[in-house]
Amino acid sequence: MFSFASFAALRETLLSSGLRMSPKKTKTENDNADEIIAEARRSRELREKAYREQALKIYPHICARCGREFAGKKLRELTVHHKDHNHDNNPPDGGNWELLCLYCHDNEHQEYLDEGSFGKATSGGEKEPPATYKPFAELKELLKDKKKT
């Protein structure tokens, strides 16, 4: 039977010789989840690359919002925007896409988020009118009456 001192001496001998005692690795749920996430990211990148290349063949290399032209190394700043915000809707004719520069693309998505939070714009592109209720409309009169008494 080993004593603690003999185990410690054996461990020290193994460590000094460069050998390591490592615990047996088992696949955990976290490892499995990490693999699933990594696979999903690889799949998304391949899908994005495919429709981006297709969109660049179909459309001129111009931002649909600001009109900037892109060529050479600057072409990477041109992104594919899904008009219906569904990244899985990639028709072969490119009908759901438009090419936007990074800045216009970010702006478009921010407007989409704002519409969800603050309400949609009217059909003319104008914001909905502000609320008309005025909770303190009569306050001035009430204060006037109070001063008189």
C-alpha atoms as a PDB file:
ATOM      1  CA  MET A   1       0.000   0.000   0.000  1.00  0.00           C
ATOM      2  CA  PHE A   2       1.236   3.496  -0.836  1.00  0.00           C
ATOM      3  CA  SER A   3       1.646   6.142   1.771  1.00  0.00           C
ATOM      4  CA  PHE A   4       1.115   9.808   1.024  1.00  0.00           C
ATOM      5  CA  ALA A   5       4.890  10.399   1.120  1.00  0.00           C
ATOM      6  CA  SER A   6       5.590   7.649  -1.414  1.00  0.00           C
ATOM      7  CA  PHE A   7       2.821   8.930  -3.718  1.00  0.00           C
ATOM      8  CA  ALA A   8       4.234  12.477  -3.504  1.00  0.00           C
ATOM      9  CA  ALA A   9       7.737  11.166  -4.300  1.00  0.00           C
ATOM     10  CA  LEU A  10       6.423   9.190  -7.285  1.00  0.00           C
ATOM     11  CA  ARG A  11       4.531  12.250  -8.531  1.00  0.00           C
ATOM     12  CA  GLU A  12       7.645  14.418  -8.197  1.00  0.00           C
ATOM     13  CA  THR A  13       9.704  11.856 -10.137  1.00  0.00           C
ATOM     14  CA  LEU A  14       7.144  11.727 -12.939  1.00  0.00           C
ATOM     15  CA  LEU A  15       6.874  15.516 -13.156  1.00  0.00           C
ATOM     16  CA  SER A  16      10.644  15.983 -13.224  1.00  0.00           C
ATOM     17  CA  SER A  17      10.918  13.465 -16.059  1.00  0.00           C
ATOM     18  CA  GLY A  18       8.404  15.436 -18.110  1.00  0.00           C
ATOM     19  CA  LEU A  19       5.536  12.994 -17.799  1.00  0.00           C
ATOM     20  CA  ARG A  20       2.185  14.407 -16.839  1.00  0.00           C
ATOM     21  CA  MET A  21      -0.706  12.704 -15.182  1.00  0.00           C
ATOM     22  CA  SER A  22      -3.809  14.053 -16.871  1.00  0.00           C
ATOM     23  CA  PRO A  23      -7.361  13.178 -16.044  1.00  0.00           C
ATOM     24  CA  LYS A  24      -9.293  11.237 -18.656  1.00  0.00           C
ATOM     25  CA  LYS A  25     -11.187  13.692 -20.818  1.00  0.00           C
ATOM     26  CA  THR A  26     -14.828  13.011 -21.385  1.00  0.00           C
ATOM     27  CA  LYS A  27     -17.103  14.862 -23.720  1.00  0.00           C
ATOM     28  CA  THR A  28     -19.308  17.182 -21.733  1.00  0.00           C
ATOM     29  CA  GLU A  29     -22.523  18.907 -22.707  1.00  0.00           C
ATOM     30  CA  ASN A  30     -20.561  22.161 -23.082  1.00  0.00           C
ATOM     31  CA  ASP A  31     -18.213  20.529 -25.601  1.00  0.00           C
ATOM     32  CA  ASN A  32     -21.200  19.243 -27.541  1.00  0.00           C
ATOM     33  CA  ALA A  33     -22.881  22.661 -27.483  1.00  0.00           C
ATOM     34  CA  ASP A  34     -19.633  24.302 -28.632  1.00  0.00           C
ATOM     35  CA  GLU A  35     -19.443  21.887 -31.571  1.00  0.00           C
ATOM     36  CA  ILE A  36     -23.042  22.611 -32.555  1.00  0.00           C
ATOM     37  CA  ILE A  37     -22.462  26.375 -32.390  1.00  0.00           C
ATOM     38  CA  ALA A  38     -19.245  26.099 -34.403  1.00  0.00           C
ATOM     39  CA  GLU A  39     -21.006  24.012 -37.062  1.00  0.00           C
ATOM     40  CA  ALA A  40     -23.870  26.524 -37.255  1.00  0.00           C
ATOM     41  CA  ARG A  41     -21.398  29.384 -37.709  1.00  0.00           C
ATOM     42  CA  ARG A  42     -19.523  27.525 -40.455  1.00  0.00           C
ATOM     43  CA  SER A  43     -22.817  26.789 -42.197  1.00  0.00           C
ATOM     44  CA  ARG A  44     -23.900  30.437 -41.972  1.00  0.00           C
ATOM     45  CA  GLU A  45     -20.557  31.661 -43.334  1.00  0.00           C
ATOM     46  CA  LEU A  46     -20.786  29.302 -46.309  1.00  0.00           C
ATOM     47  CA  ARG A  47     -24.380  30.359 -46.999  1.00  0.00           C
ATOM     48  CA  GLU A  48     -23.473  34.061 -46.726  1.00  0.00           C
ATOM     49  CA  LYS A  49     -20.501  33.635 -49.025  1.00  0.00           C
ATOM     50  CA  ALA A  50     -22.656  31.912 -51.634  1.00  0.00           C
ATOM     51  CA  TYR A  51     -25.412  34.545 -51.782  1.00  0.00           C
ATOM     52  CA  ARG A  52     -22.946  37.425 -51.495  1.00  0.00           C
ATOM     53  CA  GLU A  53     -21.030  36.198 -54.536  1.00  0.00           C
ATOM     54  CA  GLN A  54     -24.299  35.729 -56.398  1.00  0.00           C
ATOM     55  CA  ALA A  55     -25.506  39.228 -55.474  1.00  0.00           C
ATOM     56  CA  LEU A  56     -22.207  40.764 -56.590  1.00  0.00           C
ATOM     57  CA  LYS A  57     -22.670  39.087 -59.994  1.00  0.00           C
ATOM     58  CA  ILE A  58     -26.271  40.294 -60.358  1.00  0.00           C
ATOM     59  CA  TYR A  59     -26.092  43.880 -59.088  1.00  0.00           C
ATOM     60  CA  PRO A  60     -23.729  46.743 -59.876  1.00  0.00           C
ATOM     61  CA  HIS A  61     -21.168  47.423 -57.152  1.00  0.00           C
ATOM     62  CA  ILE A  62     -22.998  50.515 -55.905  1.00  0.00           C
ATOM     63  CA  CYS A  63     -24.696  51.118 -52.547  1.00  0.00           C
ATOM     64  CA  ALA A  64     -28.453  51.232 -53.145  1.00  0.00           C
ATOM     65  CA  ARG A  65     -28.883  54.003 -50.546  1.00  0.00           C
ATOM     66  CA  CYS A  66     -25.995  56.446 -50.758  1.00  0.00           C
ATOM     67  CA  GLY A  67     -24.845  55.647 -54.314  1.00  0.00           C
ATOM     68  CA  ARG A  68     -21.150  55.115 -53.476  1.00  0.00           C
ATOM     69  CA  GLU A  69     -19.287  52.916 -55.939  1.00  0.00           C
ATOM     70  CA  PHE A  70     -17.059  50.086 -54.737  1.00  0.00           C
ATOM     71  CA  ALA A  71     -14.181  48.323 -56.486  1.00  0.00           C
ATOM     72  CA  GLY A  72     -11.019  46.448 -55.583  1.00  0.00           C
ATOM     73  CA  LYS A  73     -10.249  46.214 -51.875  1.00  0.00           C
ATOM     74  CA  LYS A  74     -13.163  48.522 -51.041  1.00  0.00           C
ATOM     75  CA  LEU A  75     -15.604  45.905 -52.384  1.00  0.00           C
ATOM     76  CA  ARG A  76     -15.505  44.180 -48.988  1.00  0.00           C
ATOM     77  CA  GLU A  77     -17.347  47.226 -47.549  1.00  0.00           C
ATOM     78  CA  LEU A  78     -20.367  46.404 -49.727  1.00  0.00           C
ATOM     79  CA  THR A  79     -22.811  44.076 -47.970  1.00  0.00           C
ATOM     80  CA  VAL A  80     -25.926  42.164 -48.990  1.00  0.00           C
ATOM     81  CA  HIS A  81     -29.060  43.372 -47.227  1.00  0.00           C
ATOM     82  CA  HIS A  82     -32.172  41.185 -47.099  1.00  0.00           C
ATOM     83  CA  LYS A  83     -35.121  43.466 -47.755  1.00  0.00           C
ATOM     84  CA  ASP A  84     -37.499  41.344 -45.669  1.00  0.00           C
ATOM     85  CA  HIS A  85     -34.840  40.845 -42.924  1.00  0.00           C
ATOM     86  CA  ASN A  86     -35.054  37.062 -43.390  1.00  0.00           C
ATOM     87  CA  HIS A  87     -31.530  35.772 -44.012  1.00  0.00           C
ATOM     88  CA  ASP A  88     -32.865  32.386 -45.110  1.00  0.00           C
ATOM     89  CA  ASN A  89     -34.909  33.939 -47.939  1.00  0.00           C
ATOM     90  CA  ASN A  90     -32.374  33.821 -50.776  1.00  0.00           C
ATOM     91  CA  PRO A  91     -34.206  33.557 -54.106  1.00  0.00           C
ATOM     92  CA  PRO A  92     -32.013  32.718 -57.116  1.00  0.00           C
ATOM     93  CA  ASP A  93     -32.996  35.953 -58.878  1.00  0.00           C
ATOM     94  CA  GLY A  94     -31.844  38.056 -55.903  1.00  0.00           C
ATOM     95  CA  GLY A  95     -35.243  39.690 -55.488  1.00  0.00           C
ATOM     96  CA  ASN A  96     -34.879  39.909 -51.701  1.00  0.00           C
ATOM     97  CA  TRP A  97     -31.418  41.492 -51.783  1.00  0.00           C
ATOM     98  CA  GLU A  98     -29.912  44.894 -52.192  1.00  0.00           C
ATOM     99  CA  LEU A  99     -26.270  45.898 -51.922  1.00  0.00           C
ATOM    100  CA  LEU A 100     -25.590  48.416 -49.155  1.00  0.00           C
ATOM    101  CA  CYS A 101     -22.362  49.856 -47.812  1.00  0.00           C
ATOM    102  CA  LEU A 102     -21.529  49.025 -44.192  1.00  0.00           C
ATOM    103  CA  TYR A 103     -22.841  52.358 -42.931  1.00  0.00           C
ATOM    104  CA  CYS A 104     -26.150  52.278 -44.788  1.00  0.00           C
ATOM    105  CA  HIS A 105     -26.629  48.620 -43.821  1.00  0.00           C
ATOM    106  CA  ASP A 106     -26.146  49.421 -40.129  1.00  0.00           C
ATOM    107  CA  ASN A 107     -28.518  52.382 -40.478  1.00  0.00           C
ATOM    108  CA  GLU A 108     -31.151  50.207 -42.164  1.00  0.00           C
ATOM    109  CA  HIS A 109     -31.061  47.640 -39.377  1.00  0.00           C
ATOM    110  CA  GLN A 110     -31.173  50.345 -36.707  1.00  0.00           C
ATOM    111  CA  GLU A 111     -34.270  51.848 -38.336  1.00  0.00           C
ATOM    112  CA  TYR A 112     -35.830  48.377 -38.394  1.00  0.00           C
ATOM    113  CA  LEU A 113     -35.112  47.949 -34.675  1.00  0.00           C
ATOM    114  CA  ASP A 114     -36.425  51.431 -33.912  1.00  0.00           C
ATOM    115  CA  GLU A 115     -39.673  50.691 -35.772  1.00  0.00           C
ATOM    116  CA  GLY A 116     -40.145  47.637 -33.597  1.00  0.00           C
ATOM    117  CA  SER A 117     -39.521  49.644 -30.441  1.00  0.00           C
ATOM    118  CA  PHE A 118     -41.123  52.994 -31.220  1.00  0.00           C
ATOM    119  CA  GLY A 119     -43.738  52.265 -33.860  1.00  0.00           C
ATOM    120  CA  LYS A 120     -43.735  52.261 -37.612  1.00  0.00           C
ATOM    121  CA  ALA A 121     -43.489  55.295 -39.831  1.00  0.00           C
ATOM    122  CA  THR A 122     -46.572  56.337 -41.783  1.00  0.00           C
ATOM    123  CA  SER A 123     -46.851  55.498 -45.490  1.00  0.00           C
ATOM    124  CA  GLY A 124     -45.329  58.861 -46.460  1.00  0.00           C
ATOM    125  CA  GLY A 125     -42.193  58.045 -44.489  1.00  0.00           C
ATOM    126  CA  GLU A 126     -43.153  60.469 -41.730  1.00  0.00           C
ATOM    127  CA  LYS A 127     -43.250  59.444 -38.100  1.00  0.00           C
ATOM    128  CA  GLU A 128     -46.596  59.008 -36.399  1.00  0.00           C
ATOM    129  CA  PRO A 129     -47.820  62.229 -34.791  1.00  0.00           C
ATOM    130  CA  PRO A 130     -46.969  62.606 -31.127  1.00  0.00           C
ATOM    131  CA  ALA A 131     -49.611  62.023 -28.498  1.00  0.00           C
ATOM    132  CA  THR A 132     -52.121  64.868 -28.130  1.00  0.00           C
ATOM    133  CA  TYR A 133     -53.107  64.292 -24.516  1.00  0.00           C
ATOM    134  CA  LYS A 134     -51.868  67.143 -22.293  1.00  0.00           C
ATOM    135  CA  PRO A 135     -52.113  66.167 -18.645  1.00  0.00           C
ATOM    136  CA  PHE A 136     -51.160  69.650 -17.335  1.00  0.00           C
ATOM    137  CA  ALA A 137     -53.319  71.730 -19.677  1.00  0.00           C
ATOM    138  CA  GLU A 138     -55.610  72.925 -16.868  1.00  0.00           C
ATOM    139  CA  LEU A 139     -52.845  73.343 -14.297  1.00  0.00           C
ATOM    140  CA  LYS A 140     -52.301  77.022 -15.069  1.00  0.00           C
ATOM    141  CA  GLU A 141     -55.957  77.817 -14.442  1.00  0.00           C
ATOM    142  CA  LEU A 142     -55.986  75.786 -11.240  1.00  0.00           C
ATOM    143  CA  LEU A 143     -52.937  77.609  -9.933  1.00  0.00           C
ATOM    144  CA  LYS A 144     -54.475  80.986 -10.863  1.00  0.00           C
ATOM    145  CA  ASP A 145     -57.603  80.139  -8.925  1.00  0.00           C
ATOM    146  CA  LYS A 146     -55.551  78.990  -5.944  1.00  0.00           C
ATOM    147  CA  LYS A 147     -53.584  82.281  -5.838  1.00  0.00           C
ATOM    148  CA  LYS A 148     -56.816  84.295  -5.761  1.00  0.00           C
ATOM    149  CA  THR A 149     -58.050  82.473  -2.668  1.00  0.00           C
END
